[in-house]
Protein backbone atom coordinates (compact mmCIF):
# COMPACT_ATOMS: atom_id res chain seq x y z
CA UNK A 1 -68.26 0.69 184.86
CA UNK A 2 -68.71 4.08 186.62
CA UNK A 3 -69.93 7.00 184.56
CA UNK A 4 -67.86 10.13 183.92
CA UNK A 5 -68.77 12.70 186.46
CA UNK A 6 -68.51 16.42 185.94
CA UNK A 7 -69.66 19.56 187.75
CA UNK A 8 -70.30 23.08 186.65
CA UNK A 9 -68.97 26.32 188.07
CA UNK A 10 -69.38 29.79 186.44
CA UNK A 11 -70.60 27.96 183.22
CA UNK A 12 -67.37 25.94 183.11
CA UNK A 13 -67.33 22.13 183.16
CA UNK A 14 -64.89 20.60 185.59
CA UNK A 15 -64.01 17.04 186.63
CA UNK A 16 -65.11 15.88 190.06
CA UNK A 17 -64.13 12.16 189.67
CA UNK A 18 -61.51 10.14 187.80
CA UNK A 19 -61.92 6.66 186.42
CA UNK A 20 -58.94 4.37 187.04
CA UNK A 21 -58.94 1.54 184.49
CA UNK A 22 -56.38 -0.78 186.07
CA UNK A 23 -55.74 -3.89 183.99
CA UNK A 24 -58.32 -4.31 181.17
CA UNK A 25 -58.24 -8.11 180.98
CA UNK A 26 -60.74 -10.92 181.16
CA UNK A 27 -62.72 -11.66 184.37
CA UNK A 28 -60.71 -14.77 185.15
CA UNK A 29 -57.43 -12.96 184.76
CA UNK A 30 -58.64 -10.10 186.98
CA UNK A 31 -59.60 -12.63 189.72
CA UNK A 32 -56.10 -14.23 189.41
CA UNK A 33 -54.48 -10.82 189.70
CA UNK A 34 -56.66 -9.97 192.63
CA UNK A 35 -55.64 -13.10 194.51
CA UNK A 36 -51.94 -12.51 193.55
CA UNK A 37 -51.82 -8.95 194.73
CA UNK A 38 -53.73 -9.75 197.90
CA UNK A 39 -51.24 -12.43 198.76
CA UNK A 40 -48.30 -10.18 197.89
CA UNK A 41 -49.76 -7.40 200.01
CA UNK A 42 -50.19 -9.69 203.07
CA UNK A 43 -46.59 -10.88 202.59
CA UNK A 44 -45.39 -7.28 202.45
CA UNK A 45 -47.17 -6.46 205.69
CA UNK A 46 -45.95 -9.55 207.49
CA UNK A 47 -42.31 -9.35 206.27
CA UNK A 48 -41.79 -5.72 206.95
CA UNK A 49 -43.66 -5.83 210.24
CA UNK A 50 -41.40 -8.70 211.23
CA UNK A 51 -38.28 -6.62 210.51
CA UNK A 52 -39.59 -3.67 212.51
CA UNK A 53 -40.54 -5.80 215.54
CA UNK A 54 -37.18 -7.59 215.49
CA UNK A 55 -35.22 -4.30 215.38
CA UNK A 56 -37.43 -2.81 218.15
CA UNK A 57 -37.15 -5.84 220.45
CA UNK A 58 -33.64 -7.23 219.85
CA UNK A 59 -30.92 -5.34 221.74
CA UNK A 60 -28.12 -6.40 219.36
CA UNK A 61 -30.08 -4.66 216.49
CA UNK A 62 -30.17 -1.27 218.29
CA UNK A 63 -27.60 0.28 216.01
CA UNK A 64 -27.91 3.14 213.36
CA UNK A 65 -28.04 0.73 210.39
CA UNK A 66 -30.90 -1.21 211.81
CA UNK A 67 -32.72 1.88 212.96
CA UNK A 68 -32.70 3.01 209.28
CA UNK A 69 -33.78 -0.47 208.12
CA UNK A 70 -36.81 -0.39 210.54
CA UNK A 71 -37.79 3.05 209.09
CA UNK A 72 -37.47 1.69 205.59
CA UNK A 73 -39.85 -1.17 206.65
CA UNK A 74 -42.43 1.29 207.89
CA UNK A 75 -42.24 3.04 204.51
CA UNK A 76 -42.54 -0.27 202.75
CA UNK A 77 -45.77 -0.98 204.62
CA UNK A 78 -47.32 2.46 204.02
CA UNK A 79 -46.49 2.72 200.29
CA UNK A 80 -48.35 -0.47 199.20
CA UNK A 81 -51.18 0.40 201.59
CA UNK A 82 -51.58 3.63 199.70
CA UNK A 83 -51.80 1.65 196.37
CA UNK A 84 -52.91 -1.95 196.75
CA UNK A 85 -56.32 -1.82 198.51
CA UNK A 86 -57.74 0.55 195.89
CA UNK A 87 -56.06 -1.59 193.16
CA UNK A 88 -57.88 -4.62 194.52
CA UNK A 89 -61.15 -2.78 194.32
CA UNK A 90 -60.44 -1.74 190.71
CA UNK A 91 -59.59 -5.37 189.72
CA UNK A 92 -62.94 -6.66 191.18
CA UNK A 93 -64.99 -4.05 189.47
CA UNK A 94 -63.01 -3.81 186.17
CA UNK A 95 -62.20 -0.13 186.90
CA UNK A 96 -63.13 2.22 189.67
CA UNK A 97 -63.95 5.84 190.28
CA UNK A 98 -62.05 8.01 192.67
CA UNK A 99 -63.00 11.55 193.72
CA UNK A 100 -60.71 14.41 192.80
CA UNK A 101 -59.66 15.00 196.39
CA UNK A 102 -58.99 11.28 196.97
CA UNK A 103 -56.87 11.08 193.81
CA UNK A 104 -54.85 14.13 194.95
CA UNK A 105 -54.38 12.64 198.33
CA UNK A 106 -53.11 9.36 196.92
CA UNK A 107 -50.70 11.27 194.73
CA UNK A 108 -49.42 13.20 197.74
CA UNK A 109 -49.00 10.10 199.95
CA UNK A 110 -47.30 8.26 197.12
CA UNK A 111 -44.92 11.16 196.46
CA UNK A 112 -43.98 11.69 200.07
CA UNK A 113 -43.20 7.98 200.66
CA UNK A 114 -41.18 7.72 197.50
CA UNK A 115 -39.14 10.92 198.35
CA UNK A 116 -38.66 9.61 201.91
CA UNK A 117 -37.33 6.32 200.65
CA UNK A 118 -34.93 8.07 198.20
CA UNK A 119 -33.44 10.25 200.99
CA UNK A 120 -33.40 7.40 203.49
CA UNK A 121 -31.44 5.12 201.14
CA UNK A 122 -28.99 7.95 200.75
CA UNK A 123 -28.65 8.32 204.51
CA UNK A 124 -28.14 4.57 204.79
CA UNK A 125 -25.29 4.72 202.28
CA UNK A 126 -23.66 7.56 204.19
CA UNK A 127 -23.93 5.38 207.39
CA UNK A 128 -22.11 2.55 205.64
CA UNK A 129 -19.53 5.07 204.29
CA UNK A 130 -18.73 6.32 207.87
CA UNK A 131 -18.67 2.76 209.22
CA UNK A 132 -16.15 1.51 206.67
CA UNK A 133 -14.19 4.58 205.75
CA UNK A 134 -14.04 6.26 209.16
CA UNK A 135 -14.71 3.53 211.75
CA UNK A 136 -13.00 5.36 214.61
CA UNK A 137 -15.39 8.35 214.30
CA UNK A 138 -18.51 6.15 213.69
CA UNK A 139 -19.87 6.29 217.24
CA UNK A 140 -19.43 10.03 217.54
CA UNK A 141 -20.88 10.72 214.10
CA UNK A 142 -23.83 8.31 214.00
CA UNK A 143 -25.26 8.86 217.42
CA UNK A 144 -28.94 7.91 218.15
CA UNK A 145 -29.79 11.64 218.19
CA UNK A 146 -28.23 12.22 214.84
CA UNK A 147 -30.08 9.20 213.39
CA UNK A 148 -33.37 10.39 214.59
CA UNK A 149 -32.72 13.90 213.19
CA UNK A 150 -31.75 12.50 209.82
CA UNK A 151 -34.84 10.26 209.67
CA UNK A 152 -37.11 13.17 210.64
CA UNK A 153 -35.45 15.38 208.02
CA UNK A 154 -36.08 12.74 205.28
CA UNK A 155 -39.72 12.61 206.25
CA UNK A 156 -40.37 16.32 206.75
CA UNK A 157 -38.45 17.18 203.55
CA UNK A 158 -40.66 14.78 201.63
CA UNK A 159 -43.84 16.23 203.19
CA UNK A 160 -42.82 19.78 202.23
CA UNK A 161 -41.41 19.10 198.76
CA UNK A 162 -44.34 17.01 197.57
CA UNK A 163 -46.82 19.54 199.00
CA UNK A 164 -45.51 22.06 196.44
CA UNK A 165 -46.25 19.62 193.57
CA UNK A 166 -49.69 18.72 195.05
CA UNK A 167 -50.88 22.30 195.49
CA UNK A 168 -49.88 23.17 191.94
CA UNK A 169 -51.67 20.11 190.56
CA UNK A 170 -54.75 20.72 192.65
CA UNK A 171 -54.99 24.21 191.12
CA UNK A 172 -54.86 22.81 187.53
CA UNK A 173 -58.13 22.81 185.54
CA UNK A 174 -59.53 19.41 184.67
CA UNK A 175 -62.35 19.90 182.33
CA UNK A 176 -61.97 17.23 179.63
CA UNK A 177 -61.45 13.47 179.82
CA UNK A 178 -61.38 11.93 183.31
CA UNK A 179 -60.11 8.43 182.44
CA UNK A 180 -56.70 7.43 183.85
CA UNK A 181 -55.39 4.38 182.21
CA UNK A 182 -53.19 3.42 185.13
CA UNK A 183 -53.30 1.41 188.38
CA UNK A 184 -53.40 4.38 190.81
CA UNK A 185 -53.35 8.17 190.72
CA UNK A 186 -49.77 8.96 189.74
CA UNK A 187 -48.50 12.51 188.91
CA UNK A 188 -47.71 11.96 185.30
CA UNK A 189 -51.01 10.44 184.04
CA UNK A 190 -52.92 12.95 186.21
CA UNK A 191 -51.06 15.94 184.71
CA UNK A 192 -51.67 14.64 181.19
CA UNK A 193 -55.44 15.13 181.74
CA UNK A 194 -55.20 18.77 182.72
CA UNK A 195 -56.77 21.23 180.21
CA UNK A 196 -54.78 24.26 181.54
CA UNK A 197 -51.15 25.13 181.06
CA UNK A 198 -48.84 22.65 182.86
CA UNK A 199 -45.60 24.45 182.24
CA UNK A 200 -45.22 25.41 185.94
CA UNK A 201 -45.77 21.91 187.21
CA UNK A 202 -43.30 20.41 184.67
CA UNK A 203 -40.79 23.10 185.73
CA UNK A 204 -41.32 22.13 189.37
CA UNK A 205 -40.80 18.49 188.59
CA UNK A 206 -37.45 19.23 186.91
CA UNK A 207 -36.29 21.67 189.63
CA UNK A 208 -37.54 19.79 192.72
CA UNK A 209 -36.63 16.43 191.31
CA UNK A 210 -32.95 17.30 191.81
CA UNK A 211 -32.98 17.47 195.69
CA UNK A 212 -35.44 14.58 195.97
CA UNK A 213 -33.91 12.04 193.51
CA UNK A 214 -30.72 13.05 191.87
CA UNK A 215 -28.84 14.52 194.89
CA UNK A 216 -29.64 11.30 196.89
CA UNK A 217 -28.54 9.11 193.98
CA UNK A 218 -25.28 11.19 193.78
CA UNK A 219 -24.65 10.67 197.47
CA UNK A 220 -25.16 6.98 197.13
CA UNK A 221 -22.76 6.75 194.22
CA UNK A 222 -20.09 8.80 195.91
CA UNK A 223 -20.47 6.84 199.19
CA UNK A 224 -20.00 3.51 197.48
CA UNK A 225 -17.14 4.82 195.42
CA UNK A 226 -15.25 5.78 198.60
CA UNK A 227 -16.34 2.40 200.10
CA UNK A 228 -14.95 0.37 197.25
CA UNK A 229 -11.70 2.24 197.34
CA UNK A 230 -11.39 1.77 201.10
CA UNK A 231 -12.27 -1.93 200.90
CA UNK A 232 -9.81 -2.63 198.10
CA UNK A 233 -7.01 -1.24 200.39
CA UNK A 234 -7.73 -3.88 203.04
CA UNK A 235 -4.89 -6.40 202.84
CA UNK A 236 -6.77 -9.60 203.67
CA UNK A 237 -9.45 -11.17 201.53
CA UNK A 238 -11.36 -12.06 204.67
CA UNK A 239 -11.46 -8.41 205.78
CA UNK A 240 -12.58 -7.28 202.30
CA UNK A 241 -15.36 -9.84 202.17
CA UNK A 242 -16.49 -8.84 205.70
CA UNK A 243 -16.55 -5.15 204.72
CA UNK A 244 -18.48 -5.81 201.62
CA UNK A 245 -20.99 -8.03 203.41
CA UNK A 246 -22.03 -5.12 205.64
CA UNK A 247 -23.38 -3.13 202.70
CA UNK A 248 -24.26 -5.72 200.12
CA UNK A 249 -27.91 -5.91 201.18
CA UNK A 250 -28.33 -2.15 201.01
CA UNK A 251 -26.64 -1.98 197.68
CA UNK A 252 -29.01 -4.62 196.32
CA UNK A 253 -32.03 -2.68 197.60
CA UNK A 254 -30.68 0.60 196.16
CA UNK A 255 -30.11 -1.00 192.73
CA UNK A 256 -33.61 -2.41 192.50
CA UNK A 257 -35.31 0.69 193.82
CA UNK A 258 -33.49 3.26 191.70
CA UNK A 259 -33.44 0.93 188.67
CA UNK A 260 -37.20 0.73 188.52
CA UNK A 261 -37.71 4.42 189.53
CA UNK A 262 -35.44 5.73 186.78
CA UNK A 263 -37.00 3.33 184.27
CA UNK A 264 -40.34 5.07 184.86
CA UNK A 265 -39.54 8.72 185.34
CA UNK A 266 -36.18 9.33 183.66
CA UNK A 267 -35.85 6.86 180.69
CA UNK A 268 -37.88 8.18 177.75
CA UNK A 269 -41.19 6.44 177.50
CA UNK A 270 -41.56 6.67 173.71
CA UNK A 271 -42.49 3.28 172.39
CA UNK A 272 -43.42 1.91 175.71
CA UNK A 273 -46.98 0.43 175.99
CA UNK A 274 -49.31 1.34 178.85
CA UNK A 275 -49.21 -2.26 179.99
CA UNK A 276 -45.41 -2.10 180.38
CA UNK A 277 -45.69 1.19 182.23
CA UNK A 278 -48.16 -0.34 184.62
CA UNK A 279 -45.89 -3.37 185.27
CA UNK A 280 -42.88 -1.10 185.86
CA UNK A 281 -44.90 1.00 188.29
CA UNK A 282 -45.66 -2.19 190.26
CA UNK A 283 -42.00 -3.01 190.58
CA UNK A 284 -41.21 -0.06 192.81
CA UNK A 285 -44.64 0.29 194.57
CA UNK A 286 -45.25 -3.39 195.33
CA UNK A 287 -42.27 -5.64 194.29
CA UNK A 288 -39.57 -3.61 196.08
CA UNK A 289 -41.41 -3.47 199.41
CA UNK A 290 -41.90 -7.28 199.08
CA UNK A 291 -38.27 -8.26 198.46
CA UNK A 292 -36.68 -5.68 200.88
CA UNK A 293 -37.34 -7.69 204.07
CA UNK A 294 -36.36 -10.88 202.18
CA UNK A 295 -32.98 -9.34 201.21
CA UNK A 296 -32.29 -8.05 204.65
CA UNK A 297 -33.31 -11.29 206.37
CA UNK A 298 -31.53 -13.70 204.03
CA UNK A 299 -28.32 -11.75 203.61
CA UNK A 300 -27.86 -10.44 207.11
CA UNK A 301 -26.46 -12.62 209.92
CA UNK A 302 -27.73 -10.29 212.75
CA UNK A 303 -31.28 -10.46 211.41
CA UNK A 304 -31.01 -14.23 211.05
CA UNK A 305 -29.84 -14.50 214.62
CA UNK A 306 -32.59 -12.32 215.84
CA UNK A 307 -35.26 -14.46 214.10
CA UNK A 308 -33.74 -17.66 215.46
CA UNK A 309 -33.67 -16.14 219.01
CA UNK A 310 -37.30 -15.01 218.76
CA UNK A 311 -38.44 -18.44 217.44
CA UNK A 312 -36.41 -20.16 220.20
CA UNK A 313 -38.14 -18.01 222.86
CA UNK A 314 -41.59 -18.82 221.37
CA UNK A 315 -40.87 -22.50 221.26
CA UNK A 316 -39.68 -22.62 224.80
């Protein structure tokens, strides 16, 4: 177990490293968890990489919806890559130290990718709204140029927004305990260790959380409200079923992602154990990137056909 590391500047003690505890369980259980997370991580990489390659190489998938799905796959590769490798190291060593700068960097990357996914899911819901509610204008509205601009906006907005959080956190004073009883460097447990006033950072979380989480969630709810109304107006049951099938995969992904995200950061944590918090954090950092490609491949006929076509070419 690494020792607590401190430095001194102007006769003040400050933290230079943090100790991540991970799961404090027996050696055999940690080995089991190591193997489990390693297998899940490899499945995440393979599944999302497959989706990205299929969208990039299959001409029938060169549409706005699949462009956004491919960008979601990239995000679902990067997010676990920011979390899992260090988590595996922690499991093997029953805890692990991380330098202050590396902890802040992990926080920043985690925040950017989460914000990007929140915004991208909102853009995808708008894409489905235009496709179902305004099909005649779909081609003119969701052009390839507009899709690229929307994707870049989601990424650059996340980079800029989370940078504000990160700079504020980096300027906090950490001069007391340096033990983080969590799986990775997350904003909340890190802020709890600060020995200086955290009013500003909490204010930023509430103010900047609106454009990064609540506005995208509102866009998704409004989009699907209009979609449901439009679909119910379709006279034939076959037409209604076909319309719903075009957005069922996305709605499933949105429900899982926002459900786990809100359970961690919105629902009051009073009475919740640290173990439960760790498991919930795994749901949106590891579990969601794992099931996203499964949902899109199993519930999407175009993806299935692309997989079958690729396998057929490889066999021949």
